[in-house]
Protein backbone atom coordinates (compact mmCIF):
# COMPACT_ATOMS: atom_id res chain seq x y z
CA UNK A 1 -11.70 -21.18 -13.95
CA UNK A 2 -14.25 -19.05 -12.10
CA UNK A 3 -14.50 -15.27 -12.39
CA UNK A 4 -16.58 -12.76 -10.44
CA UNK A 5 -16.89 -9.39 -12.11
CA UNK A 6 -16.40 -6.03 -10.42
CA UNK A 7 -18.01 -2.61 -10.64
CA UNK A 8 -16.34 0.44 -12.18
CA UNK A 9 -13.09 1.61 -10.54
CA UNK A 10 -11.35 4.95 -10.70
CA UNK A 11 -8.34 5.47 -12.97
CA UNK A 12 -5.71 5.23 -10.22
CA UNK A 13 -6.39 1.58 -9.57
CA UNK A 14 -5.41 0.80 -13.12
CA UNK A 15 -2.49 3.17 -13.26
CA UNK A 16 -0.89 2.17 -9.97
CA UNK A 17 -0.47 -1.36 -11.26
CA UNK A 18 2.40 -0.27 -13.47
CA UNK A 19 3.90 2.27 -11.12
CA UNK A 20 4.35 0.70 -8.22
CA UNK A 21 -1.61 0.28 -6.53
CA UNK A 22 2.97 -15.25 17.21
CA UNK A 23 2.00 -17.72 19.39
CA UNK A 24 3.99 -18.67 22.48
CA UNK A 25 4.77 -22.35 22.57
CA UNK A 26 4.07 -22.81 18.85
CA UNK A 27 1.76 -21.28 16.29
CA UNK A 28 -0.56 -23.18 14.01
CA UNK A 29 -2.41 -26.39 14.70
CA UNK A 30 -2.99 -27.74 11.22
CA UNK A 31 0.49 -29.17 10.73
CA UNK A 32 2.09 -29.53 14.12
CA UNK A 33 5.85 -29.47 14.67
CA UNK A 34 6.22 -27.04 11.75
CA UNK A 35 6.48 -29.63 9.02
CA UNK A 36 4.88 -29.16 5.61
CA UNK A 37 2.91 -32.12 4.23
CA UNK A 38 4.99 -34.39 2.08
CA UNK A 39 4.40 -34.60 -1.65
CA UNK A 40 4.08 -37.67 -3.83
CA UNK A 41 5.71 -35.82 -6.75
CA UNK A 42 9.03 -37.30 -7.95
CA UNK A 43 12.17 -35.37 -7.02
CA UNK A 44 12.75 -32.35 -9.26
CA UNK A 45 15.88 -30.19 -9.49
CA UNK A 46 14.41 -26.70 -9.19
CA UNK A 47 16.90 -23.88 -9.87
CA UNK A 48 14.72 -20.80 -9.33
CA UNK A 49 13.80 -20.42 -13.01
CA UNK A 50 11.01 -22.09 -14.93
CA UNK A 51 9.93 -24.78 -15.27
CA UNK A 52 9.14 -25.70 -11.67
CA UNK A 53 8.24 -29.32 -12.50
CA UNK A 54 8.89 -31.99 -15.13
CA UNK A 55 5.40 -33.46 -14.84
CA UNK A 56 3.47 -32.81 -18.10
CA UNK A 57 0.06 -32.49 -16.44
CA UNK A 58 1.02 -30.37 -13.42
CA UNK A 59 -1.94 -28.40 -12.10
CA UNK A 60 -2.62 -25.98 -9.22
CA UNK A 61 -5.69 -24.16 -7.97
CA UNK A 62 -5.40 -20.56 -6.75
CA UNK A 63 -7.91 -18.25 -5.10
CA UNK A 64 -7.06 -14.59 -5.59
CA UNK A 65 -8.19 -11.15 -6.68
CA UNK A 66 -8.97 -10.14 -10.22
CA UNK A 67 -7.92 -6.82 -11.76
CA UNK A 68 -9.36 -3.54 -10.54
CA UNK A 69 -10.49 -2.72 -14.07
CA UNK A 70 -13.63 -4.55 -15.15
CA UNK A 71 -12.54 -5.14 -18.75
CA UNK A 72 -9.51 -7.20 -17.70
CA UNK A 73 -9.59 -10.91 -16.90
CA UNK A 74 -6.26 -11.81 -15.31
CA UNK A 75 -6.86 -15.54 -15.69
CA UNK A 76 -6.41 -15.17 -19.45
CA UNK A 77 -4.10 -12.14 -19.53
CA UNK A 78 -0.95 -12.72 -21.59
CA UNK A 79 1.49 -11.97 -18.76
CA UNK A 80 -0.25 -14.35 -16.35
CA UNK A 81 -0.40 -17.08 -19.01
CA UNK A 82 3.32 -16.51 -19.66
CA UNK A 83 4.12 -17.15 -15.99
CA UNK A 84 2.07 -20.36 -16.09
CA UNK A 85 3.77 -21.48 -19.31
CA UNK A 86 7.26 -20.75 -18.02
CA UNK A 87 6.49 -22.60 -14.79
CA UNK A 88 5.04 -25.57 -16.67
CA UNK A 89 1.89 -25.45 -14.54
CA UNK A 90 -1.76 -25.14 -15.52
CA UNK A 91 -3.58 -22.97 -12.97
CA UNK A 92 -7.28 -23.18 -12.19
CA UNK A 93 -7.94 -19.58 -11.15
CA UNK A 94 -10.79 -18.58 -8.85
CA UNK A 95 -10.65 -14.79 -9.14
CA UNK A 96 -12.87 -12.36 -7.24
CA UNK A 97 -13.09 -8.57 -7.70
CA UNK A 98 -10.82 -6.84 -5.15
CA UNK A 99 -13.69 -4.61 -4.02
CA UNK A 100 -15.60 -7.68 -2.77
CA UNK A 101 -12.70 -9.97 -1.99
CA UNK A 102 -12.71 -9.91 1.81
CA UNK A 103 -16.49 -10.34 2.04
CA UNK A 104 -16.39 -13.29 -0.36
CA UNK A 105 -13.32 -15.06 1.02
CA UNK A 106 -13.69 -14.66 4.78
CA UNK A 107 -16.62 -17.11 5.02
CA UNK A 108 -14.69 -19.69 3.01
CA UNK A 109 -11.69 -19.39 5.31
CA UNK A 110 -13.97 -19.58 8.33
CA UNK A 111 -15.44 -22.83 6.99
CA UNK A 112 -11.90 -24.12 6.44
CA UNK A 113 -12.78 -26.87 3.98
CA UNK A 114 -12.45 -27.37 0.23
CA UNK A 115 -9.77 -24.71 -0.14
CA UNK A 116 -7.52 -24.53 -3.23
CA UNK A 117 -3.77 -25.11 -3.19
CA UNK A 118 -2.92 -21.40 -2.80
CA UNK A 119 -4.92 -18.51 -1.32
CA UNK A 120 -4.30 -14.79 -1.46
CA UNK A 121 -5.35 -13.73 2.03
CA UNK A 122 -7.92 -10.97 2.55
CA UNK A 123 -5.66 -9.39 5.19
CA UNK A 124 -2.15 -9.90 6.54
CA UNK A 125 -3.25 -12.10 9.46
CA UNK A 126 -1.58 -9.84 12.02
CA UNK A 127 -3.45 -11.53 14.88
CA UNK A 128 -2.50 -14.97 13.44
CA UNK A 129 -6.12 -16.09 13.21
CA UNK A 130 -5.55 -18.25 10.14
CA UNK A 131 -2.18 -19.51 11.31
CA UNK A 132 -3.56 -20.64 14.64
CA UNK A 133 -6.54 -22.33 12.97
CA UNK A 134 -4.13 -24.48 10.97
CA UNK A 135 -5.45 -23.42 7.56
CA UNK A 136 -1.99 -22.73 6.13
CA UNK A 137 1.15 -24.83 6.32
CA UNK A 138 4.50 -23.55 7.65
CA UNK A 139 6.96 -22.91 4.85
CA UNK A 140 10.34 -23.06 6.62
CA UNK A 141 11.39 -26.45 5.23
CA UNK A 142 10.15 -25.58 1.76
CA UNK A 143 12.06 -22.30 1.85
CA UNK A 144 15.21 -24.13 2.88
CA UNK A 145 14.75 -26.68 0.10
CA UNK A 146 13.31 -24.65 -2.78
CA UNK A 147 13.27 -20.96 -1.83
CA UNK A 148 15.90 -19.83 -4.34
CA UNK A 149 14.23 -16.49 -5.03
CA UNK A 150 12.59 -15.94 -1.66
CA UNK A 151 15.97 -16.28 0.05
CA UNK A 152 17.32 -13.51 -2.19
CA UNK A 153 14.41 -11.27 -1.23
CA UNK A 154 14.94 -11.91 2.47
CA UNK A 155 18.68 -11.22 2.15
CA UNK A 156 18.00 -7.94 0.34
CA UNK A 157 15.08 -6.96 2.62
CA UNK A 158 15.54 -8.29 6.17
CA UNK A 159 12.50 -6.26 7.23
CA UNK A 160 10.28 -8.39 4.99
CA UNK A 161 11.56 -11.57 6.59
CA UNK A 162 11.22 -10.08 10.08
CA UNK A 163 7.62 -9.07 9.42
CA UNK A 164 6.64 -12.51 8.14
CA UNK A 165 8.34 -14.51 10.90
CA UNK A 166 6.09 -15.54 13.79
CA UNK A 167 7.39 -15.29 17.38
CA UNK A 168 8.24 -18.99 17.32
CA UNK A 169 10.36 -18.60 14.18
CA UNK A 170 7.99 -20.02 11.58
CA UNK A 171 7.03 -18.52 8.23
CA UNK A 172 3.67 -19.19 6.62
CA UNK A 173 3.28 -16.71 3.78
CA UNK A 174 4.88 -15.55 0.52
CA UNK A 175 4.81 -11.75 0.17
CA UNK A 176 3.50 -9.42 -2.46
CA UNK A 177 5.63 -6.26 -2.24
CA UNK A 178 5.13 -2.58 -2.94
CA UNK A 179 7.38 0.44 -3.26
CA UNK A 180 8.24 1.85 0.15
CA UNK A 181 10.01 5.17 -0.55
CA UNK A 182 9.30 6.04 -4.17
CA UNK A 183 6.17 7.59 -5.64
CA UNK A 184 4.62 8.02 -2.22
CA UNK A 185 1.70 10.36 -1.43
CA UNK A 186 2.84 13.99 -1.38
CA UNK A 187 1.47 17.53 -1.26
CA UNK A 188 1.00 18.96 -4.75
CA UNK A 189 0.70 22.63 -5.69
CA UNK A 190 -0.71 24.31 -8.79
CA UNK A 191 2.43 25.91 -10.22
CA UNK A 192 0.49 28.26 -12.47
CA UNK A 193 -1.35 29.70 -9.49
CA UNK A 194 1.93 30.25 -7.68
CA UNK A 195 3.38 32.05 -10.70
CA UNK A 196 0.24 34.17 -11.19
CA UNK A 197 0.41 35.39 -7.58
CA UNK A 198 4.20 35.75 -7.49
CA UNK A 199 4.56 33.11 -4.77
CA UNK A 200 7.30 30.57 -4.12
CA UNK A 201 6.64 26.96 -3.14
CA UNK A 202 5.91 26.88 0.61
CA UNK A 203 8.50 25.23 2.84
CA UNK A 204 6.89 25.69 6.25
CA UNK A 205 3.38 25.29 7.62
CA UNK A 206 3.03 29.06 8.05
CA UNK A 207 4.03 29.67 4.43
CA UNK A 208 1.59 27.01 3.28
CA UNK A 209 -1.26 28.63 5.22
CA UNK A 210 -0.42 32.06 3.82
CA UNK A 211 -0.44 30.56 0.31
CA UNK A 212 -3.91 29.06 0.85
CA UNK A 213 -5.23 32.45 1.93
CA UNK A 214 -3.88 34.01 -1.28
CA UNK A 215 -5.41 31.22 -3.33
CA UNK A 216 -8.80 31.95 -1.73
CA UNK A 217 -8.82 35.74 -2.15
CA UNK A 218 -6.60 36.74 -5.09
CA UNK A 219 -8.35 35.04 -8.06
CA UNK A 220 -5.41 32.86 -9.17
CA UNK A 221 -7.46 31.19 -11.93
CA UNK A 222 -8.14 34.63 -13.38
CA UNK A 223 -11.83 34.23 -14.17
CA UNK A 224 -12.94 37.16 -12.04
CA UNK A 225 -15.01 34.95 -9.74
CA UNK A 226 -14.43 33.94 -6.13
CA UNK A 227 -14.77 30.26 -7.02
CA UNK A 228 -11.34 28.97 -5.96
CA UNK A 229 -11.12 26.02 -3.59
CA UNK A 230 -7.66 26.53 -2.04
CA UNK A 231 -7.20 22.95 -0.78
CA UNK A 232 -9.01 19.86 -2.00
CA UNK A 233 -8.27 16.22 -1.16
CA UNK A 234 -9.95 13.00 -0.13
CA UNK A 235 -10.49 12.91 3.62
CA UNK A 236 -8.31 9.79 3.98
CA UNK A 237 -5.30 11.84 2.87
CA UNK A 238 -5.67 14.63 5.44
CA UNK A 239 -3.89 12.68 8.24
CA UNK A 240 -1.11 11.76 5.79
CA UNK A 241 -0.75 15.35 4.63
CA UNK A 242 -0.63 17.12 7.98
CA UNK A 243 0.18 14.50 10.64
CA UNK A 244 3.92 14.41 9.81
CA UNK A 245 4.14 18.21 10.13
CA UNK A 246 3.50 17.64 13.84
CA UNK A 247 5.72 14.54 14.05
CA UNK A 248 2.80 12.10 13.88
CA UNK A 249 1.95 9.09 11.74
CA UNK A 250 -1.82 9.31 11.94
CA UNK A 251 -2.41 7.17 8.88
CA UNK A 252 -0.82 4.11 10.51
CA UNK A 253 -1.89 5.13 14.03
CA UNK A 254 1.27 3.83 15.73
CA UNK A 255 4.88 4.94 15.32
CA UNK A 256 8.20 4.39 17.06
CA UNK A 257 10.39 7.37 17.93
CA UNK A 258 14.17 7.56 17.57
CA UNK A 259 14.61 5.86 20.94
CA UNK A 260 12.40 2.94 19.93
CA UNK A 261 9.45 3.98 22.09
CA UNK A 262 6.06 3.23 20.54
CA UNK A 263 3.33 5.88 20.46
CA UNK A 264 -0.33 5.98 19.46
CA UNK A 265 -0.51 9.15 17.38
CA UNK A 266 -4.03 10.04 18.46
CA UNK A 267 -2.97 9.91 22.13
CA UNK A 268 -0.16 12.44 21.87
CA UNK A 269 -0.03 16.14 22.89
CA UNK A 270 1.05 16.98 19.31
CA UNK A 271 -2.29 15.63 18.10
CA UNK A 272 -3.99 18.60 19.79
CA UNK A 273 -1.72 20.93 17.79
CA UNK A 274 -2.71 19.08 14.61
CA UNK A 275 -6.40 19.45 15.42
CA UNK A 276 -5.98 23.12 16.31
CA UNK A 277 -4.35 23.81 12.95
CA UNK A 278 -7.02 22.01 10.93
CA UNK A 279 -9.79 23.64 12.94
CA UNK A 280 -8.23 26.97 12.02
CA UNK A 281 -8.25 26.06 8.31
CA UNK A 282 -11.86 24.98 8.63
CA UNK A 283 -12.91 28.25 10.28
CA UNK A 284 -11.22 30.30 7.55
CA UNK A 285 -12.81 28.29 4.77
CA UNK A 286 -9.42 27.00 3.63
CA UNK A 287 -10.54 23.45 4.42
CA UNK A 288 -13.97 23.00 2.84
CA UNK A 289 -17.06 22.20 4.86
CA UNK A 290 -17.36 19.05 2.71
CA UNK A 291 -13.80 17.91 3.49
CA UNK A 292 -14.97 14.71 5.21
CA UNK A 293 -16.93 13.54 2.16
CA UNK A 294 -14.76 14.80 -0.72
CA UNK A 295 -14.17 12.05 -3.27
CA UNK A 296 -11.34 11.38 -5.70
CA UNK A 297 -13.63 12.15 -8.62
CA UNK A 298 -14.53 15.53 -7.09
CA UNK A 299 -10.87 16.43 -6.69
CA UNK A 300 -10.14 15.46 -10.30
CA UNK A 301 -13.13 17.46 -11.52
CA UNK A 302 -12.09 20.56 -9.59
CA UNK A 303 -8.55 20.37 -10.95
CA UNK A 304 -9.84 19.91 -14.51
CA UNK A 305 -11.85 23.14 -14.07
CA UNK A 306 -8.85 25.00 -12.61
CA UNK A 307 -10.65 25.48 -9.30
CA UNK A 308 -8.12 23.94 -6.88
CA UNK A 309 -4.64 25.10 -5.90
CA UNK A 310 -3.36 22.32 -3.64
CA UNK A 311 -4.07 18.63 -3.14
CA UNK A 312 -2.51 15.49 -1.69
CA UNK A 313 -2.32 12.11 -3.36
CA UNK A 314 0.10 9.48 -4.58
CA UNK A 315 2.98 11.12 -6.41
CA UNK A 316 1.99 9.25 -9.56
CA UNK A 317 -0.94 11.60 -10.01
CA UNK A 318 1.06 14.76 -10.60
CA UNK A 319 2.31 13.95 -14.11
CA UNK A 320 0.05 11.05 -15.04
CA UNK A 321 -3.37 12.38 -14.02
CA UNK A 322 -3.60 15.95 -12.74
CA UNK A 323 -1.22 17.92 -15.00
CA UNK A 324 -2.56 16.27 -18.21
CA UNK A 325 -6.05 17.49 -17.31
CA UNK A 326 -4.96 20.86 -18.69
CA UNK A 327 -5.30 20.87 -22.48
CA UNK A 328 -2.17 22.96 -22.93
CA UNK A 329 -0.02 20.82 -20.62
CA UNK A 330 3.56 20.45 -21.81
CA UNK A 331 5.09 17.24 -20.34
CA UNK A 332 8.35 19.14 -19.90
CA UNK A 333 6.77 21.63 -17.49
CA UNK A 334 4.68 20.54 -14.47
CA UNK A 335 1.36 22.13 -13.60
CA UNK A 336 0.52 20.17 -10.47
CA UNK A 337 3.87 19.44 -8.86
CA UNK A 338 4.82 17.82 -5.57
CA UNK A 339 6.71 19.79 -2.95
CA UNK A 340 9.12 18.69 -0.27
CA UNK A 341 7.38 17.98 3.04
CA UNK A 342 6.47 21.08 5.00
CA UNK A 343 8.61 21.84 8.02
CA UNK A 344 6.49 21.81 11.16
CA UNK A 345 6.58 23.96 14.31
CA UNK A 346 8.98 21.53 16.02
CA UNK A 347 11.24 20.96 13.00
CA UNK A 348 9.59 17.76 11.76
CA UNK A 349 9.82 17.36 7.98
CA UNK A 350 8.86 14.05 6.41
CA UNK A 351 6.32 12.08 4.44
CA UNK A 352 5.31 8.59 5.57
CA UNK A 353 6.31 5.66 3.37
CA UNK A 354 4.73 2.25 3.11
CA UNK A 355 5.49 -1.13 4.62
CA UNK A 356 7.05 -3.44 2.01
CA UNK A 357 4.50 -6.25 2.31
CA UNK A 358 1.25 -5.32 0.58
CA UNK A 359 -0.30 -8.79 0.52
CA UNK A 360 0.39 -12.44 1.31
CA UNK A 361 -0.15 -15.85 -0.28
CA UNK A 362 -0.45 -19.05 1.74
CA UNK A 363 -0.42 -22.75 0.85
CA UNK A 364 -3.41 -24.47 2.39
CA UNK A 365 -3.46 -27.67 4.38
CA UNK A 366 -5.78 -29.05 1.66
CA UNK A 367 -3.07 -28.83 -1.01
CA UNK A 368 -2.24 -32.22 -2.48
CA UNK A 369 1.13 -31.01 -3.75
CA UNK A 370 2.52 -28.27 -1.47
CA UNK A 371 6.03 -28.62 -2.95
CA UNK A 372 4.76 -27.79 -6.43
CA UNK A 373 2.67 -24.95 -4.99
CA UNK A 374 5.68 -23.50 -3.23
CA UNK A 375 7.99 -23.77 -6.24
CA UNK A 376 5.36 -21.98 -8.33
CA UNK A 377 5.21 -19.14 -5.78
CA UNK A 378 8.98 -18.96 -5.56
CA UNK A 379 9.28 -18.70 -9.33
CA UNK A 380 6.53 -16.07 -9.27
CA UNK A 381 8.76 -13.79 -7.13
CA UNK A 382 11.83 -14.30 -9.32
CA UNK A 383 13.49 -11.46 -11.21
CA UNK A 384 12.42 -13.12 -14.43
CA UNK A 385 8.77 -13.04 -13.37
CA UNK A 386 9.04 -9.50 -11.99
CA UNK A 387 10.22 -8.26 -15.37
CA UNK A 388 6.96 -9.49 -16.87
CA UNK A 389 4.94 -7.86 -14.09
CA UNK A 390 6.51 -4.43 -14.40
CA UNK A 391 7.63 -4.17 -18.03
CA UNK A 392 5.36 -6.60 -19.87
CA UNK A 393 6.56 -8.62 -22.84
CA UNK A 394 9.87 -7.90 -24.55
CA UNK A 395 9.69 -6.36 -28.03
CA UNK A 396 5.98 -5.74 -27.51
CA UNK A 397 5.69 -3.37 -24.54
CA UNK A 398 9.40 -2.73 -24.04
CA UNK A 399 12.77 -3.01 -25.73
CA UNK A 400 16.14 -3.60 -24.11
CA UNK A 401 19.51 -2.34 -25.28
CA UNK A 402 22.74 -2.67 -23.31
CA UNK A 403 20.73 -3.70 -20.27
CA UNK A 404 18.51 -0.61 -20.38
CA UNK A 405 14.77 -1.20 -20.77
CA UNK A 406 12.52 1.34 -22.50
CA UNK A 407 8.74 1.21 -22.91
CA UNK A 408 7.43 1.11 -26.48
CA UNK A 409 4.39 3.13 -27.52
CA UNK A 410 2.29 0.07 -26.71
CA UNK A 411 3.94 -0.06 -23.30
CA UNK A 412 2.82 3.51 -22.65
CA UNK A 413 -0.77 2.72 -23.63
CA UNK A 414 -2.50 2.16 -20.28
CA UNK A 415 -5.48 0.27 -21.71
CA UNK A 416 -3.23 -2.07 -23.68
CA UNK A 417 -0.92 -2.97 -20.81
CA UNK A 418 -3.83 -3.44 -18.40
CA UNK A 419 -5.39 -6.02 -20.72
CA UNK A 420 -1.97 -7.61 -21.01
CA UNK A 421 -2.02 -8.11 -17.24
CA UNK A 422 0.64 -5.62 -16.10
CA UNK A 423 1.21 -5.68 -12.32
CA UNK A 424 -1.04 -8.74 -11.83
CA UNK A 425 -2.62 -8.66 -8.37
CA UNK A 426 -3.32 -12.41 -8.52
CA UNK A 427 0.43 -13.14 -8.29
CA UNK A 428 3.12 -12.10 -5.76
CA UNK A 429 4.35 -9.19 -7.84
CA UNK A 430 6.93 -6.65 -6.70
CA UNK A 431 6.55 -3.07 -7.88
CA UNK A 432 9.41 -1.43 -9.75
CA UNK A 433 10.91 2.05 -9.46
CA UNK A 434 12.70 1.68 -12.80
CA UNK A 435 9.54 1.03 -14.77
CA UNK A 436 7.75 3.91 -13.04
CA UNK A 437 10.67 6.24 -13.84
CA UNK A 438 10.38 5.23 -17.48
CA UNK A 439 6.68 6.14 -17.67
CA UNK A 440 6.46 9.46 -15.84
CA UNK A 441 7.72 12.82 -17.09
CA UNK A 442 11.47 13.39 -16.72
CA UNK A 443 10.92 16.17 -14.14
CA UNK A 444 8.72 13.81 -12.14
CA UNK A 445 11.29 11.01 -11.94
CA UNK A 446 13.93 13.55 -10.86
CA UNK A 447 11.62 14.99 -8.20
CA UNK A 448 10.84 11.52 -6.86
CA UNK A 449 14.52 10.95 -6.09
CA UNK A 450 14.71 14.34 -4.36
CA UNK A 451 11.79 13.27 -2.17
CA UNK A 452 13.28 9.92 -1.19
CA UNK A 453 15.44 11.16 1.74
CA UNK A 454 12.32 12.66 3.32
CA UNK A 455 10.34 9.41 3.38
CA UNK A 456 10.08 7.88 6.83
CA UNK A 457 9.39 4.20 7.41
CA UNK A 458 5.98 3.48 8.92
CA UNK A 459 5.37 1.23 11.89
CA UNK A 460 6.24 -2.29 10.75
CA UNK A 461 3.88 -5.19 10.35
CA UNK A 462 4.47 -7.60 13.25
CA UNK A 463 2.55 -10.66 14.38
CA UNK A 464 0.78 -10.40 17.73
CA UNK A 465 1.05 -12.94 20.53
CA UNK A 466 -2.28 -14.32 21.83
CA UNK A 467 -2.51 -11.97 24.82
CA UNK A 468 -1.62 -8.96 22.64
CA UNK A 469 -4.14 -10.03 20.02
CA UNK A 470 -6.81 -10.40 22.69
CA UNK A 471 -6.27 -6.86 23.97
CA UNK A 472 -6.27 -5.37 20.48
CA UNK A 473 -9.32 -7.24 19.25
CA UNK A 474 -11.25 -6.25 22.37
CA UNK A 475 -10.18 -2.59 22.49
CA UNK A 476 -9.11 -1.23 19.10
CA UNK A 477 -12.45 -1.36 17.25
CA UNK A 478 -14.08 0.89 19.85
CA UNK A 479 -10.98 3.08 20.13
CA UNK A 480 -10.82 3.57 16.36
CA UNK A 481 -14.52 4.47 16.17
CA UNK A 482 -14.19 6.95 19.03
CA UNK A 483 -11.08 8.55 17.56
CA UNK A 484 -12.76 8.99 14.17
CA UNK A 485 -15.87 10.55 15.71
CA UNK A 486 -13.89 12.98 17.85
CA UNK A 487 -11.53 13.84 15.00
CA UNK A 488 -14.40 15.26 12.94
CA UNK A 489 -15.96 17.01 15.94
CA UNK A 490 -12.70 18.72 16.90
CA UNK A 491 -11.85 19.83 13.35
CA UNK A 492 -15.35 21.10 12.57
CA UNK A 493 -15.66 22.82 15.95
CA UNK A 494 -18.65 20.75 17.02
CA UNK A 495 -16.60 19.92 20.11
CA UNK A 496 -14.27 22.49 21.63
CA UNK A 497 -10.59 21.63 21.88
CA UNK A 498 -10.95 22.54 25.54
CA UNK A 499 -12.30 18.99 25.80
CA UNK A 500 -9.07 17.43 24.55
CA UNK A 501 -7.95 16.37 28.03
CA UNK A 502 -11.28 14.62 28.51
CA UNK A 503 -10.78 12.87 25.17
CA UNK A 504 -7.34 11.64 26.31
CA UNK A 505 -8.79 10.39 29.58
CA UNK A 506 -11.50 8.48 27.70
CA UNK A 507 -8.87 6.76 25.54
CA UNK A 508 -7.01 5.78 28.68
CA UNK A 509 -10.17 4.21 30.09
CA UNK A 510 -10.60 2.34 26.80
CA UNK A 511 -7.26 0.56 27.46
CA UNK A 512 -5.16 2.37 24.87
CA UNK A 513 -2.09 2.12 27.12
CA UNK A 514 -2.39 -1.67 27.23
CA UNK A 515 -2.63 -1.70 23.44
CA UNK A 516 0.47 0.49 23.20
CA UNK A 517 2.32 -1.88 25.55
CA UNK A 518 1.47 -4.78 23.23
CA UNK A 519 2.68 -2.84 20.18
CA UNK A 520 5.88 -2.01 22.04
CA UNK A 521 6.53 -5.71 22.63
CA UNK A 522 5.84 -6.43 18.96
CA UNK A 523 8.20 -3.68 17.83
CA UNK A 524 10.93 -4.97 20.15
CA UNK A 525 10.57 -8.46 18.66
CA UNK A 526 10.68 -7.03 15.14
CA UNK A 527 13.94 -5.19 15.85
CA UNK A 528 15.44 -8.27 17.48
CA UNK A 529 14.53 -10.39 14.45
CA UNK A 530 16.63 -8.11 12.24
CA UNK A 531 19.79 -8.59 14.29
């Protein structure tokens, strides 16, 4: 077992673990005709539960990420060892810190030799680079033969199956899944500041702006100083916070409208309205001059000093991080509380959810026993395994009575459950709403369900055909860089919004319309695959 250690990580990485944190003519050259390598292992009647083999010395090697927290070694964590024990498999783990994972693994995949049985990929292989290089075997026959639990997942979530199916109908990866509509990033408001100023929660963009102005001028923290920072968030959250108000999904760049037409958010007329609004906040000092460099730690520090009135982050933060920063916080009464999405000038009112697949595991062509590797992965996505991932170990971190699970005091101790291996990122875990509901404050769980109808699905993950991949790989890096540069210049006023038409024309010259056409074809295939 080989472990690389990581640097220090912020609290959310640890906390999120329990909350939720095509090729035409044939794809893949490593195992032509779509057949997985045969195994020399004797026939075994796998039922979807452990064990996955009757061989006493069964072993697998897996390359994956270690925990975000540096004091946790997932290779020896109790939950991970329990999965191994139940499966009847000894795993040789090669775990790398998630912060360095892509940099460490990409060269090994590029070399393509000496790979372990199973690899957690550094990305979702949207351009099918690894598939087309033949590094990973197709899983269709193994799914048909042994995919007891995967089949259930695909029946319950056709979108997951559609996303992981290449244009020629093959499947190469086992998914790691996240929550898609619950505990999503939302706008949060300091309730005490609202009460002090006699304000109601804003429901429209105009009301929100008026609230920020009051936060800036009316001394809501009551210290007699003009030290309030009305709005404070990491820069990565700004597109998520305000893009939907103008009908845009800036965080994911692309979106499909109600008619199924695909758009690039940064190439839309509504994007100019978005920029105009943020430029206005910037001019008034409602969006700080340091907005582009504000860190998570800075936001947390400002909230702990009662200096900030509004922020945007994953819902989890409101009752688990921000509100408890106040020494007199009563868990029954929120201090930082999420609000329903603001209604925009054209009636748009939504937050953007997440795609269900957060990571993928593949079985390499070097695996000497792909059937054992697949059965292990299939067991690892079973309901039995998911209970370990999200609740921990029965009668230690949770109890169960009449089918209802409840966390024990140990189960509510973040440090304890992290060392136990809760939400292990080295396995295909699936995040749980039930366990999150059990941890957060009662008002928070109730609010999350009120938010759910306002969560809009993001643009789906879809594999690209070779010609589509070629256009994207040639054009999108430069387009993304240009968009990011101009975004800051427009918001800060370094470039006048009178130049927006010129910006649009430049994107057109950079082949954005060809990229959009490729994404349209991908979206059409995705919808067809769900029929």
